[in-house]
Amino acid sequence: MTQATAMLDTYPAALGRVDRQALADCIEACFTCSQACTACADACLSEPDVADLIRCVRANLDCADICDTTGRVLSRHTGFDANLTRAVLKACATACKSCGDECERHASMHEHCRVCAEACRRCEQACQQLLAPLG
């Protein structure tokens, strides 16, 4: 059981039509992706060809911030605002796609970019899955 699942299981009010497992998976994917992107940006800054990785570092940092924010928003349920949640999930999926695409450009040369791209793809997919029933 993940931490997100454990916390969702203790929430005292109903969550409505939200799929608890999809929500827990998305929360976990967001925080995992945020960590991967932060670590990838740091690793990029340690590479000898750092000038070639400027776009990657920027994408990593933007994606990390958006994923972290999304994970926190998804962790709050009282006073749920579907419009805000939908917008945050769309922004997160967009950031993950952009960062994943950028990291994939460098994945053959930098293992940290390959690992980060995979985390971005998982998070993008988790956001899309949670978005589907929200419309």
N, C-alpha and C. Protein backbone atom coordinates (compact mmCIF):
# COMPACT_ATOMS: atom_id res chain seq x y z
N MET A 1 0.84 -1.18 0.00
CA MET A 1 0.00 0.00 0.00
C MET A 1 0.89 1.24 0.00
N THR A 2 0.58 2.17 -0.86
CA THR A 2 1.36 3.40 -0.92
C THR A 2 0.89 4.38 0.14
N GLN A 3 1.70 5.38 0.37
CA GLN A 3 1.33 6.43 1.33
C GLN A 3 0.06 7.14 0.89
N ALA A 4 -0.05 7.43 -0.39
CA ALA A 4 -1.25 8.11 -0.90
C ALA A 4 -2.50 7.26 -0.67
N THR A 5 -2.39 5.97 -0.93
CA THR A 5 -3.52 5.07 -0.71
C THR A 5 -3.90 5.03 0.77
N ALA A 6 -2.91 4.93 1.63
CA ALA A 6 -3.18 4.90 3.07
C ALA A 6 -3.89 6.17 3.52
N MET A 7 -3.47 7.31 3.02
CA MET A 7 -4.10 8.56 3.41
C MET A 7 -5.51 8.66 2.84
N LEU A 8 -5.71 8.24 1.61
CA LEU A 8 -7.05 8.26 1.01
C LEU A 8 -8.00 7.35 1.79
N ASP A 9 -7.48 6.22 2.25
CA ASP A 9 -8.31 5.28 3.02
C ASP A 9 -8.75 5.86 4.36
N THR A 10 -8.04 6.84 4.86
CA THR A 10 -8.40 7.44 6.15
C THR A 10 -9.25 8.68 6.00
N TYR A 11 -9.47 9.15 4.78
CA TYR A 11 -10.24 10.38 4.57
C TYR A 11 -11.68 10.16 5.06
N PRO A 12 -12.17 11.01 5.96
CA PRO A 12 -13.45 10.75 6.60
C PRO A 12 -14.70 11.00 5.74
N ALA A 13 -14.58 11.74 4.67
CA ALA A 13 -15.75 12.05 3.84
C ALA A 13 -15.68 11.25 2.54
N ALA A 14 -16.80 11.20 1.86
CA ALA A 14 -16.85 10.52 0.56
C ALA A 14 -16.06 11.31 -0.48
N LEU A 15 -15.48 10.61 -1.43
CA LEU A 15 -14.73 11.26 -2.51
C LEU A 15 -15.56 11.37 -3.79
N GLY A 16 -16.82 11.06 -3.69
CA GLY A 16 -17.68 11.15 -4.88
C GLY A 16 -17.35 10.04 -5.87
N ARG A 17 -17.34 10.39 -7.14
CA ARG A 17 -17.13 9.40 -8.20
C ARG A 17 -15.65 9.18 -8.53
N VAL A 18 -14.77 9.77 -7.77
CA VAL A 18 -13.34 9.66 -8.06
C VAL A 18 -12.86 8.23 -7.82
N ASP A 19 -12.14 7.69 -8.77
CA ASP A 19 -11.53 6.38 -8.64
C ASP A 19 -10.35 6.50 -7.68
N ARG A 20 -10.49 5.96 -6.48
CA ARG A 20 -9.45 6.10 -5.45
C ARG A 20 -8.08 5.59 -5.91
N GLN A 21 -8.07 4.46 -6.63
CA GLN A 21 -6.79 3.91 -7.06
C GLN A 21 -6.13 4.80 -8.11
N ALA A 22 -6.92 5.32 -9.05
CA ALA A 22 -6.37 6.23 -10.07
C ALA A 22 -5.86 7.51 -9.41
N LEU A 23 -6.58 7.99 -8.40
CA LEU A 23 -6.15 9.18 -7.67
C LEU A 23 -4.84 8.92 -6.93
N ALA A 24 -4.78 7.81 -6.21
CA ALA A 24 -3.55 7.45 -5.49
C ALA A 24 -2.38 7.28 -6.45
N ASP A 25 -2.62 6.60 -7.57
CA ASP A 25 -1.57 6.39 -8.56
C ASP A 25 -1.06 7.73 -9.11
N CYS A 26 -1.98 8.64 -9.35
CA CYS A 26 -1.59 9.94 -9.90
C CYS A 26 -0.80 10.76 -8.88
N ILE A 27 -1.25 10.75 -7.64
CA ILE A 27 -0.51 11.47 -6.59
C ILE A 27 0.92 10.92 -6.50
N GLU A 28 1.05 9.61 -6.43
CA GLU A 28 2.38 8.99 -6.34
C GLU A 28 3.22 9.31 -7.58
N ALA A 29 2.61 9.24 -8.76
CA ALA A 29 3.34 9.52 -10.00
C ALA A 29 3.82 10.97 -10.04
N CYS A 30 3.00 11.88 -9.54
CA CYS A 30 3.40 13.29 -9.52
C CYS A 30 4.61 13.52 -8.64
N PHE A 31 4.57 12.97 -7.43
CA PHE A 31 5.70 13.18 -6.52
C PHE A 31 6.96 12.45 -7.00
N THR A 32 6.79 11.27 -7.59
CA THR A 32 7.93 10.54 -8.14
C THR A 32 8.55 11.32 -9.30
N CYS A 33 7.70 11.85 -10.16
CA CYS A 33 8.19 12.60 -11.32
C CYS A 33 8.89 13.89 -10.86
N SER A 34 8.32 14.55 -9.87
CA SER A 34 8.95 15.76 -9.36
C SER A 34 10.37 15.47 -8.87
N GLN A 35 10.52 14.38 -8.15
CA GLN A 35 11.86 14.02 -7.65
C GLN A 35 12.79 13.67 -8.81
N ALA A 36 12.30 12.89 -9.78
CA ALA A 36 13.13 12.50 -10.93
C ALA A 36 13.57 13.73 -11.71
N CYS A 37 12.67 14.66 -11.93
CA CYS A 37 13.00 15.87 -12.69
C CYS A 37 14.00 16.75 -11.94
N THR A 38 13.84 16.86 -10.64
CA THR A 38 14.78 17.64 -9.84
C THR A 38 16.17 17.01 -9.91
N ALA A 39 16.23 15.70 -9.76
CA ALA A 39 17.52 15.00 -9.81
C ALA A 39 18.13 15.07 -11.21
N CYS A 40 17.29 14.98 -12.24
CA CYS A 40 17.80 15.05 -13.61
C CYS A 40 18.38 16.43 -13.89
N ALA A 41 17.70 17.48 -13.46
CA ALA A 41 18.22 18.83 -13.66
C ALA A 41 19.58 18.98 -12.99
N ASP A 42 19.70 18.46 -11.78
CA ASP A 42 20.97 18.53 -11.07
C ASP A 42 22.05 17.73 -11.80
N ALA A 43 21.69 16.55 -12.28
CA ALA A 43 22.66 15.73 -13.03
C ALA A 43 23.08 16.43 -14.32
N CYS A 44 22.13 17.05 -15.00
CA CYS A 44 22.45 17.79 -16.23
C CYS A 44 23.48 18.88 -15.95
N LEU A 45 23.31 19.55 -14.81
CA LEU A 45 24.24 20.63 -14.46
C LEU A 45 25.64 20.12 -14.17
N SER A 46 25.77 18.82 -13.90
CA SER A 46 27.07 18.22 -13.64
C SER A 46 27.73 17.65 -14.89
N GLU A 47 27.01 17.64 -15.99
CA GLU A 47 27.56 17.10 -17.24
C GLU A 47 28.55 18.07 -17.86
N PRO A 48 29.60 17.54 -18.51
CA PRO A 48 30.57 18.43 -19.16
C PRO A 48 29.97 19.25 -20.30
N ASP A 49 28.92 18.75 -20.93
CA ASP A 49 28.28 19.46 -22.04
C ASP A 49 27.02 20.19 -21.58
N VAL A 50 27.08 20.80 -20.40
CA VAL A 50 25.92 21.43 -19.79
C VAL A 50 25.25 22.46 -20.71
N ALA A 51 26.01 23.12 -21.53
CA ALA A 51 25.43 24.13 -22.43
C ALA A 51 24.42 23.50 -23.39
N ASP A 52 24.64 22.25 -23.74
CA ASP A 52 23.70 21.55 -24.63
C ASP A 52 22.45 21.07 -23.89
N LEU A 53 22.44 21.20 -22.59
CA LEU A 53 21.34 20.68 -21.77
C LEU A 53 20.50 21.78 -21.12
N ILE A 54 20.69 23.01 -21.54
CA ILE A 54 19.97 24.13 -20.92
C ILE A 54 18.45 23.95 -21.04
N ARG A 55 17.96 23.58 -22.21
CA ARG A 55 16.51 23.36 -22.39
C ARG A 55 16.03 22.21 -21.51
N CYS A 56 16.85 21.20 -21.37
CA CYS A 56 16.49 20.05 -20.55
C CYS A 56 16.37 20.46 -19.08
N VAL A 57 17.33 21.23 -18.60
CA VAL A 57 17.29 21.69 -17.21
C VAL A 57 16.03 22.52 -16.98
N ARG A 58 15.73 23.42 -17.90
CA ARG A 58 14.53 24.25 -17.75
C ARG A 58 13.27 23.39 -17.74
N ALA A 59 13.18 22.45 -18.67
CA ALA A 59 12.01 21.56 -18.71
C ALA A 59 11.91 20.75 -17.43
N ASN A 60 13.04 20.26 -16.94
CA ASN A 60 13.05 19.49 -15.68
C ASN A 60 12.52 20.32 -14.51
N LEU A 61 13.01 21.52 -14.38
CA LEU A 61 12.62 22.36 -13.24
C LEU A 61 11.15 22.77 -13.32
N ASP A 62 10.70 23.11 -14.52
CA ASP A 62 9.28 23.45 -14.69
C ASP A 62 8.40 22.25 -14.37
N CYS A 63 8.77 21.10 -14.90
CA CYS A 63 7.98 19.88 -14.69
C CYS A 63 7.98 19.50 -13.21
N ALA A 64 9.12 19.60 -12.55
CA ALA A 64 9.19 19.27 -11.12
C ALA A 64 8.24 20.14 -10.31
N ASP A 65 8.25 21.44 -10.59
CA ASP A 65 7.37 22.35 -9.84
C ASP A 65 5.89 22.04 -10.10
N ILE A 66 5.55 21.80 -11.36
CA ILE A 66 4.15 21.54 -11.70
C ILE A 66 3.69 20.19 -11.13
N CYS A 67 4.54 19.18 -11.21
CA CYS A 67 4.19 17.87 -10.64
C CYS A 67 4.02 17.95 -9.13
N ASP A 68 4.92 18.66 -8.47
CA ASP A 68 4.82 18.78 -7.02
C ASP A 68 3.53 19.49 -6.63
N THR A 69 3.21 20.56 -7.31
CA THR A 69 1.97 21.29 -7.05
C THR A 69 0.75 20.42 -7.32
N THR A 70 0.78 19.69 -8.42
CA THR A 70 -0.35 18.81 -8.76
C THR A 70 -0.55 17.75 -7.70
N GLY A 71 0.53 17.13 -7.25
CA GLY A 71 0.43 16.13 -6.19
C GLY A 71 -0.17 16.69 -4.92
N ARG A 72 0.19 17.93 -4.59
CA ARG A 72 -0.35 18.56 -3.39
C ARG A 72 -1.83 18.90 -3.57
N VAL A 73 -2.20 19.44 -4.73
CA VAL A 73 -3.61 19.76 -5.00
C VAL A 73 -4.46 18.49 -4.95
N LEU A 74 -3.96 17.42 -5.55
CA LEU A 74 -4.72 16.16 -5.56
C LEU A 74 -4.83 15.53 -4.18
N SER A 75 -3.95 15.92 -3.27
CA SER A 75 -3.98 15.38 -1.92
C SER A 75 -5.00 16.07 -1.03
N ARG A 76 -5.58 17.16 -1.51
CA ARG A 76 -6.59 17.90 -0.74
C ARG A 76 -7.97 17.63 -1.34
N HIS A 77 -8.93 17.28 -0.51
CA HIS A 77 -10.25 16.89 -1.01
C HIS A 77 -11.38 17.76 -0.50
N THR A 78 -11.18 18.39 0.63
CA THR A 78 -12.22 19.24 1.20
C THR A 78 -12.42 20.46 0.30
N GLY A 79 -13.67 20.73 -0.08
CA GLY A 79 -13.95 21.86 -0.96
C GLY A 79 -13.48 21.63 -2.38
N PHE A 80 -13.46 20.39 -2.82
CA PHE A 80 -12.99 20.00 -4.16
C PHE A 80 -13.56 20.91 -5.25
N ASP A 81 -12.70 21.41 -6.11
CA ASP A 81 -13.08 22.24 -7.25
C ASP A 81 -12.67 21.51 -8.53
N ALA A 82 -13.65 20.92 -9.20
CA ALA A 82 -13.38 20.11 -10.39
C ALA A 82 -12.70 20.91 -11.49
N ASN A 83 -13.08 22.17 -11.66
CA ASN A 83 -12.47 22.99 -12.72
C ASN A 83 -10.99 23.24 -12.46
N LEU A 84 -10.66 23.54 -11.22
CA LEU A 84 -9.26 23.77 -10.86
C LEU A 84 -8.47 22.47 -11.00
N THR A 85 -9.02 21.39 -10.50
CA THR A 85 -8.34 20.10 -10.58
C THR A 85 -8.10 19.71 -12.03
N ARG A 86 -9.08 19.90 -12.87
CA ARG A 86 -8.95 19.59 -14.30
C ARG A 86 -7.81 20.42 -14.93
N ALA A 87 -7.78 21.71 -14.62
CA ALA A 87 -6.75 22.60 -15.17
C ALA A 87 -5.35 22.19 -14.71
N VAL A 88 -5.23 21.86 -13.43
CA VAL A 88 -3.93 21.46 -12.88
C VAL A 88 -3.47 20.14 -13.51
N LEU A 89 -4.39 19.19 -13.66
CA LEU A 89 -4.04 17.91 -14.28
C LEU A 89 -3.62 18.09 -15.73
N LYS A 90 -4.31 18.96 -16.47
CA LYS A 90 -3.94 19.22 -17.86
C LYS A 90 -2.56 19.87 -17.94
N ALA A 91 -2.30 20.82 -17.05
CA ALA A 91 -0.99 21.47 -17.02
C ALA A 91 0.11 20.47 -16.70
N CYS A 92 -0.16 19.58 -15.78
CA CYS A 92 0.83 18.57 -15.39
C CYS A 92 1.10 17.62 -16.55
N ALA A 93 0.05 17.15 -17.21
CA ALA A 93 0.23 16.25 -18.35
C ALA A 93 1.03 16.94 -19.45
N THR A 94 0.76 18.22 -19.68
CA THR A 94 1.49 18.99 -20.70
C THR A 94 2.96 19.13 -20.32
N ALA A 95 3.23 19.47 -19.07
CA ALA A 95 4.61 19.63 -18.60
C ALA A 95 5.36 18.31 -18.70
N CYS A 96 4.70 17.22 -18.32
CA CYS A 96 5.34 15.90 -18.38
C CYS A 96 5.64 15.50 -19.82
N LYS A 97 4.73 15.80 -20.73
CA LYS A 97 4.99 15.47 -22.14
C LYS A 97 6.18 16.27 -22.66
N SER A 98 6.18 17.55 -22.37
CA SER A 98 7.27 18.41 -22.83
C SER A 98 8.62 17.98 -22.25
N CYS A 99 8.65 17.72 -20.96
CA CYS A 99 9.89 17.31 -20.31
C CYS A 99 10.32 15.92 -20.80
N GLY A 100 9.35 15.02 -20.91
CA GLY A 100 9.67 13.68 -21.41
C GLY A 100 10.25 13.72 -22.82
N ASP A 101 9.67 14.56 -23.67
CA ASP A 101 10.19 14.71 -25.03
C ASP A 101 11.61 15.24 -25.03
N GLU A 102 11.86 16.26 -24.20
CA GLU A 102 13.20 16.86 -24.13
C GLU A 102 14.21 15.86 -23.57
N CYS A 103 13.84 15.16 -22.50
CA CYS A 103 14.76 14.19 -21.92
C CYS A 103 15.05 13.05 -22.88
N GLU A 104 14.06 12.64 -23.65
CA GLU A 104 14.29 11.56 -24.63
C GLU A 104 15.32 11.96 -25.68
N ARG A 105 15.42 13.25 -25.97
CA ARG A 105 16.44 13.72 -26.93
C ARG A 105 17.85 13.43 -26.43
N HIS A 106 18.02 13.34 -25.12
CA HIS A 106 19.34 13.15 -24.52
C HIS A 106 19.53 11.77 -23.90
N ALA A 107 18.50 10.95 -23.96
CA ALA A 107 18.51 9.67 -23.25
C ALA A 107 19.61 8.72 -23.70
N SER A 108 19.99 8.78 -24.96
CA SER A 108 21.04 7.86 -25.44
C SER A 108 22.42 8.25 -24.91
N MET A 109 22.57 9.50 -24.50
CA MET A 109 23.86 9.98 -23.99
C MET A 109 23.90 10.10 -22.48
N HIS A 110 22.71 10.27 -21.87
CA HIS A 110 22.65 10.52 -20.42
C HIS A 110 21.57 9.63 -19.80
N GLU A 111 22.00 8.68 -19.01
CA GLU A 111 21.09 7.73 -18.38
C GLU A 111 20.06 8.43 -17.50
N HIS A 112 20.47 9.50 -16.83
CA HIS A 112 19.53 10.21 -15.97
C HIS A 112 18.38 10.80 -16.79
N CYS A 113 18.63 11.18 -18.01
CA CYS A 113 17.56 11.69 -18.88
C CYS A 113 16.60 10.57 -19.28
N ARG A 114 17.13 9.38 -19.50
CA ARG A 114 16.27 8.24 -19.83
C ARG A 114 15.34 7.91 -18.67
N VAL A 115 15.90 7.87 -17.47
CA VAL A 115 15.11 7.56 -16.27
C VAL A 115 14.05 8.64 -16.05
N CYS A 116 14.43 9.88 -16.24
CA CYS A 116 13.50 10.99 -16.06
C CYS A 116 12.38 10.93 -17.10
N ALA A 117 12.73 10.66 -18.34
CA ALA A 117 11.71 10.57 -19.39
C ALA A 117 10.67 9.50 -19.06
N GLU A 118 11.12 8.38 -18.52
CA GLU A 118 10.18 7.31 -18.13
C GLU A 118 9.25 7.78 -17.02
N ALA A 119 9.78 8.50 -16.04
CA ALA A 119 8.94 9.03 -14.95
C ALA A 119 7.93 10.03 -15.49
N CYS A 120 8.37 10.85 -16.44
CA CYS A 120 7.47 11.83 -17.06
C CYS A 120 6.34 11.14 -17.81
N ARG A 121 6.65 10.08 -18.54
CA ARG A 121 5.63 9.36 -19.30
C ARG A 121 4.60 8.70 -18.37
N ARG A 122 5.10 8.13 -17.26
CA ARG A 122 4.18 7.51 -16.29
C ARG A 122 3.27 8.56 -15.67
N CYS A 123 3.81 9.71 -15.34
CA CYS A 123 3.01 10.76 -14.72
C CYS A 123 2.00 11.34 -15.72
N GLU A 124 2.45 11.56 -16.94
CA GLU A 124 1.54 12.05 -17.98
C GLU A 124 0.36 11.10 -18.14
N GLN A 125 0.65 9.82 -18.18
CA GLN A 125 -0.39 8.81 -18.34
C GLN A 125 -1.33 8.79 -17.12
N ALA A 126 -0.78 8.90 -15.93
CA ALA A 126 -1.61 8.90 -14.72
C ALA A 126 -2.53 10.12 -14.69
N CYS A 127 -2.02 11.27 -15.12
CA CYS A 127 -2.85 12.48 -15.18
C CYS A 127 -3.97 12.30 -16.20
N GLN A 128 -3.63 11.75 -17.34
CA GLN A 128 -4.65 11.54 -18.40
C GLN A 128 -5.72 10.57 -17.91
N GLN A 129 -5.31 9.53 -17.21
CA GLN A 129 -6.26 8.56 -16.70
C GLN A 129 -7.21 9.19 -15.68
N LEU A 130 -6.68 10.04 -14.82
CA LEU A 130 -7.52 10.69 -13.83
C LEU A 130 -8.41 11.75 -14.47
N LEU A 131 -7.92 12.38 -15.55
CA LEU A 131 -8.69 13.40 -16.26
C LEU A 131 -9.89 12.82 -17.00
N ALA A 132 -9.76 11.61 -17.51
CA ALA A 132 -10.80 11.03 -18.38
C ALA A 132 -12.21 11.15 -17.80
N PRO A 133 -12.46 10.73 -16.56
CA PRO A 133 -13.83 10.86 -16.05
C PRO A 133 -14.22 12.30 -15.71
N LEU A 134 -13.24 13.19 -15.54
CA LEU A 134 -13.55 14.59 -15.22
C LEU A 134 -14.00 15.37 -16.46
N GLY A 135 -13.69 14.80 -17.65
CA GLY A 135 -14.12 15.44 -18.90
C GLY A 135 -13.29 16.54 -19.33
